[in-house]
Amino acid sequence: MSAKSVVVVGATAPDIVKLIAAINRAGSDNLVLEGFLDDDPSKLGTEFMGYPVLGTTAALRDRFRDFWVANNVARDMPTRQKLVRRLASLHVTKHLTLIHPSIDTSYSKIGEGSMLQEGVVLGPLCEIGDHCVLYARAIIGHECIVEDVVFVGNNAIVGARGRVGTGAFIGLNSVIIPYLTIGARSTVGAGSVVVRNVPPDQTVFGNPARAGVQPAQSVAQIS
């Protein structure tokens, strides 16, 4: 198996280093992590998780043009989506998809640039879009559609035949009962139980989940 040289954009969430190590140990891929890129000038020249911060995303135009690129903006979906657009403007084509070797991906589809952590369960015929993040032990029911740039937190459950719109944030330990639609850019707060469809751009929380006055980012921060 030929080696893939990798740079990670975003010296933020440490989980990605552990995920890459698990993939390499299992022999699922041969990923050589060269370091991180970050547009925060205070991080340049430092180390993160033992790897150097090598430069800004501008370096993808030349020095790292042929590298595989992993998007490590994990929980802030508007910022993750902004980075996806930034990578497109830099003509990045090698978007690294990271899937923990514990995950059974048979009978499911996973888009490019997505990151699935340890213990995620994928029901048959479910589809995960591009640039999604599924944290440890998230459960996606059979025939679900998870659109692009979606975050699903630890232990969250998306019931069978549900649909989660682009840019949505599903907080940890939340439950979405089967057949529901979570609208684009909506936020489901941690520990919520969703029993009805959620329109786009809405924040819901509680059991049963109801629309709230808190901005989406404040709920995301506690999730």
Protein backbone atom coordinates (compact mmCIF):
# COMPACT_ATOMS: atom_id res chain seq x y z
CA MET A 1 0.00 0.00 0.00
CA SER A 2 1.55 3.29 -1.09
CA ALA A 3 1.96 6.02 1.50
CA LYS A 4 -0.22 9.13 1.46
CA SER A 5 1.38 12.37 2.62
CA VAL A 6 -1.17 14.24 4.74
CA VAL A 7 -1.56 17.75 6.12
CA VAL A 8 -4.34 18.61 8.54
CA VAL A 9 -5.95 22.04 8.34
CA GLY A 10 -6.79 23.33 11.79
CA ALA A 11 -4.54 22.81 14.82
CA THR A 12 -7.61 22.50 17.03
CA ALA A 13 -9.28 19.15 17.82
CA PRO A 14 -6.73 16.51 18.92
CA ASP A 15 -8.95 13.53 18.06
CA ILE A 16 -7.77 13.45 14.45
CA VAL A 17 -4.23 12.38 15.40
CA LYS A 18 -5.56 9.40 17.35
CA LEU A 19 -7.87 8.51 14.45
CA ILE A 20 -5.05 8.55 11.91
CA ALA A 21 -2.93 6.37 14.21
CA ALA A 22 -5.76 3.83 14.55
CA ILE A 23 -6.19 3.65 10.77
CA ASN A 24 -2.48 3.05 10.29
CA ARG A 25 -2.32 0.36 13.00
CA ALA A 26 -5.18 -1.53 11.38
CA GLY A 27 -3.52 -1.37 7.97
CA SER A 28 -6.61 0.29 6.49
CA ASP A 29 -4.41 2.94 4.92
CA ASN A 30 -0.84 4.23 5.06
CA LEU A 31 -1.13 7.85 6.17
CA VAL A 32 1.99 9.92 6.79
CA LEU A 33 0.99 12.97 8.82
CA GLU A 34 3.48 15.71 8.00
CA GLY A 35 1.89 18.35 10.24
CA PHE A 36 -0.80 21.00 10.50
CA LEU A 37 -1.75 24.17 8.66
CA ASP A 38 -3.54 26.99 10.45
CA ASP A 39 -4.42 30.56 9.51
CA ASP A 40 -4.03 31.72 13.12
CA PRO A 41 -0.64 33.49 13.07
CA SER A 42 -0.07 32.78 16.77
CA LYS A 43 0.14 29.04 16.01
CA LEU A 44 2.74 29.21 13.26
CA GLY A 45 6.02 27.58 14.24
CA THR A 46 4.46 25.80 17.23
CA GLU A 47 3.56 22.14 17.68
CA PHE A 48 0.18 20.48 18.13
CA MET A 49 -0.08 16.89 19.36
CA GLY A 50 3.63 16.50 18.64
CA TYR A 51 3.38 17.67 15.02
CA PRO A 52 4.57 21.02 13.64
CA VAL A 53 2.28 23.80 12.47
CA LEU A 54 3.91 24.23 9.08
CA GLY A 55 2.17 27.28 7.67
CA THR A 56 -1.16 28.72 6.59
CA THR A 57 -3.67 27.36 4.10
CA ALA A 58 -1.95 29.47 1.43
CA ALA A 59 0.80 26.81 1.41
CA LEU A 60 -1.68 24.46 -0.28
CA ARG A 61 -1.10 26.42 -3.48
CA ASP A 62 2.49 25.24 -3.79
CA ARG A 63 4.41 23.45 -1.03
CA PHE A 64 1.57 21.07 -0.13
CA ARG A 65 -0.23 21.10 -3.48
CA ASP A 66 0.02 17.32 -3.94
CA PHE A 67 -0.77 16.34 -0.34
CA TRP A 68 -3.94 14.77 0.98
CA VAL A 69 -5.81 17.34 3.07
CA ALA A 70 -7.91 16.72 6.19
CA ASN A 71 -10.32 19.38 7.46
CA ASN A 72 -10.02 19.46 11.26
CA VAL A 73 -12.63 22.11 12.03
CA ALA A 74 -14.83 19.60 13.79
CA ARG A 75 -17.70 21.19 15.71
CA ASP A 76 -18.30 24.65 14.25
CA MET A 77 -20.22 23.90 11.07
CA PRO A 78 -20.30 27.45 9.60
CA THR A 79 -16.53 27.65 9.98
CA ARG A 80 -16.07 24.13 8.60
CA GLN A 81 -18.20 25.06 5.59
CA LYS A 82 -16.16 28.24 5.12
CA LEU A 83 -12.98 26.15 5.14
CA VAL A 84 -14.46 23.79 2.54
CA ARG A 85 -14.97 26.82 0.28
CA ARG A 86 -11.45 28.02 1.04
CA LEU A 87 -10.00 24.64 0.03
CA ALA A 88 -12.01 24.74 -3.19
CA SER A 89 -10.60 28.19 -3.98
CA LEU A 90 -7.11 26.71 -3.54
CA HIS A 91 -8.00 23.91 -6.00
CA VAL A 92 -7.58 21.18 -3.39
CA THR A 93 -8.80 17.89 -4.85
CA LYS A 94 -7.38 15.32 -2.42
CA HIS A 95 -9.87 15.51 0.45
CA LEU A 96 -8.97 12.83 2.99
CA THR A 97 -11.82 10.68 4.31
CA LEU A 98 -11.04 9.24 7.75
CA ILE A 99 -13.02 6.21 8.95
CA HIS A 100 -12.12 4.40 12.16
CA PRO A 101 -11.40 0.70 11.47
CA SER A 102 -14.03 -0.34 14.03
CA ILE A 103 -16.82 0.89 11.73
CA ASP A 104 -18.73 -1.44 9.43
CA THR A 105 -19.27 0.59 6.27
CA SER A 106 -20.90 -2.16 4.21
CA TYR A 107 -24.17 -1.16 2.53
CA SER A 108 -23.56 2.53 3.25
CA LYS A 109 -22.10 5.48 1.35
CA ILE A 110 -19.64 8.00 2.79
CA GLY A 111 -18.66 11.20 1.04
CA GLU A 112 -15.19 12.68 0.62
CA GLY A 113 -13.54 14.63 3.40
CA SER A 114 -15.71 13.15 6.15
CA MET A 115 -14.41 11.97 9.53
CA LEU A 116 -16.00 9.08 11.43
CA GLN A 117 -14.67 8.29 14.88
CA GLU A 118 -14.49 5.07 16.85
CA GLY A 119 -17.67 3.07 17.36
CA VAL A 120 -19.93 4.89 14.92
CA VAL A 121 -22.79 2.65 13.76
CA LEU A 122 -24.09 3.00 10.21
CA GLY A 123 -27.37 1.34 9.33
CA PRO A 124 -27.73 -0.31 5.92
CA LEU A 125 -28.42 1.98 2.97
CA CYS A 126 -27.59 5.15 4.88
CA GLU A 127 -25.71 7.92 3.11
CA ILE A 128 -23.20 10.29 4.71
CA GLY A 129 -22.38 13.39 2.68
CA ASP A 130 -19.12 15.21 2.06
CA HIS A 131 -17.13 16.83 4.89
CA CYS A 132 -19.28 15.45 7.71
CA VAL A 133 -18.05 14.74 11.25
CA LEU A 134 -19.48 11.84 13.26
CA TYR A 135 -18.09 11.60 16.77
CA ALA A 136 -17.60 8.41 18.76
CA ARG A 137 -20.55 6.02 19.07
CA ALA A 138 -22.97 8.10 17.02
CA ILE A 139 -25.70 5.94 15.47
CA ILE A 140 -27.17 6.60 12.03
CA GLY A 141 -30.25 4.50 11.32
CA HIS A 142 -30.97 2.55 8.18
CA GLU A 143 -31.78 4.52 5.03
CA CYS A 144 -30.89 7.85 6.62
CA ILE A 145 -29.59 10.71 4.51
CA VAL A 146 -27.01 12.92 6.19
CA GLU A 147 -26.22 15.79 3.85
CA ASP A 148 -22.92 17.67 3.55
CA VAL A 149 -20.97 19.36 6.38
CA VAL A 150 -23.04 17.89 9.23
CA PHE A 151 -21.83 17.28 12.79
CA VAL A 152 -23.26 14.38 14.83
CA GLY A 153 -22.01 14.31 18.42
CA ASN A 154 -21.00 11.46 20.72
CA ASN A 155 -23.77 8.90 21.35
CA ALA A 156 -26.32 10.84 19.30
CA ILE A 157 -28.94 8.77 17.47
CA VAL A 158 -30.51 9.65 14.14
CA GLY A 159 -33.48 7.33 13.70
CA ALA A 160 -34.21 5.27 10.62
CA ARG A 161 -35.09 7.00 7.34
CA GLY A 162 -34.35 10.41 8.79
CA ARG A 163 -32.73 13.27 6.92
CA VAL A 164 -30.24 15.80 8.30
CA GLY A 165 -29.75 18.92 6.19
CA THR A 166 -26.49 20.53 5.14
CA GLY A 167 -24.64 22.36 7.90
CA ALA A 168 -26.75 20.97 10.76
CA PHE A 169 -25.34 20.32 14.24
CA ILE A 170 -26.63 17.36 16.28
CA GLY A 171 -25.43 17.61 19.88
CA LEU A 172 -24.12 14.72 21.95
CA ASN A 173 -26.56 12.24 23.52
CA SER A 174 -29.46 13.63 21.49
CA VAL A 175 -32.10 11.38 19.95
CA ILE A 176 -33.98 12.03 16.71
CA ILE A 177 -36.85 9.60 16.30
CA PRO A 178 -37.26 7.86 12.91
CA TYR A 179 -38.59 9.47 9.73
CA LEU A 180 -37.86 13.08 10.75
CA THR A 181 -36.09 15.86 8.87
CA ILE A 182 -33.62 18.21 10.53
CA GLY A 183 -33.37 21.32 8.37
CA ALA A 184 -30.19 22.80 6.96
CA ARG A 185 -28.02 24.77 9.40
CA SER A 186 -30.21 23.81 12.37
CA THR A 187 -28.88 22.92 15.82
CA VAL A 188 -30.14 20.17 18.12
CA GLY A 189 -28.87 20.80 21.63
CA ALA A 190 -27.09 18.16 23.69
CA GLY A 191 -29.37 15.56 25.26
CA SER A 192 -32.45 16.62 23.32
CA VAL A 193 -35.19 14.27 22.11
CA VAL A 194 -36.57 15.40 18.76
CA VAL A 195 -40.10 14.19 18.00
CA ARG A 196 -41.05 16.45 15.09
CA ASN A 197 -39.40 17.94 12.03
CA VAL A 198 -37.04 20.88 12.60
CA PRO A 199 -37.12 23.70 10.02
CA PRO A 200 -33.91 25.12 8.57
CA ASP A 201 -31.91 27.61 10.67
CA GLN A 202 -33.63 26.70 13.93
CA THR A 203 -32.19 25.79 17.32
CA VAL A 204 -34.09 23.21 19.39
CA PHE A 205 -33.34 21.65 22.76
CA GLY A 206 -35.01 19.77 25.58
CA ASN A 207 -37.20 16.68 25.92
CA PRO A 208 -39.26 16.94 23.84
CA ALA A 209 -37.14 19.36 21.84
CA ARG A 210 -38.63 22.80 21.28
CA ALA A 211 -37.41 25.91 19.53
CA GLY A 212 -35.42 28.20 21.79
CA VAL A 213 -34.21 31.75 21.84
CA GLN A 214 -30.56 30.81 22.35
CA PRO A 215 -28.35 31.33 19.28
CA ALA A 216 -27.12 28.13 17.65
CA GLN A 217 -23.49 28.77 18.61
CA SER A 218 -24.27 28.91 22.34
CA VAL A 219 -25.87 25.47 22.20
CA ALA A 220 -22.99 24.13 20.11
CA GLN A 221 -20.49 25.23 22.72
CA ILE A 222 -22.04 23.05 25.43
CA SER A 223 -22.40 20.09 23.10
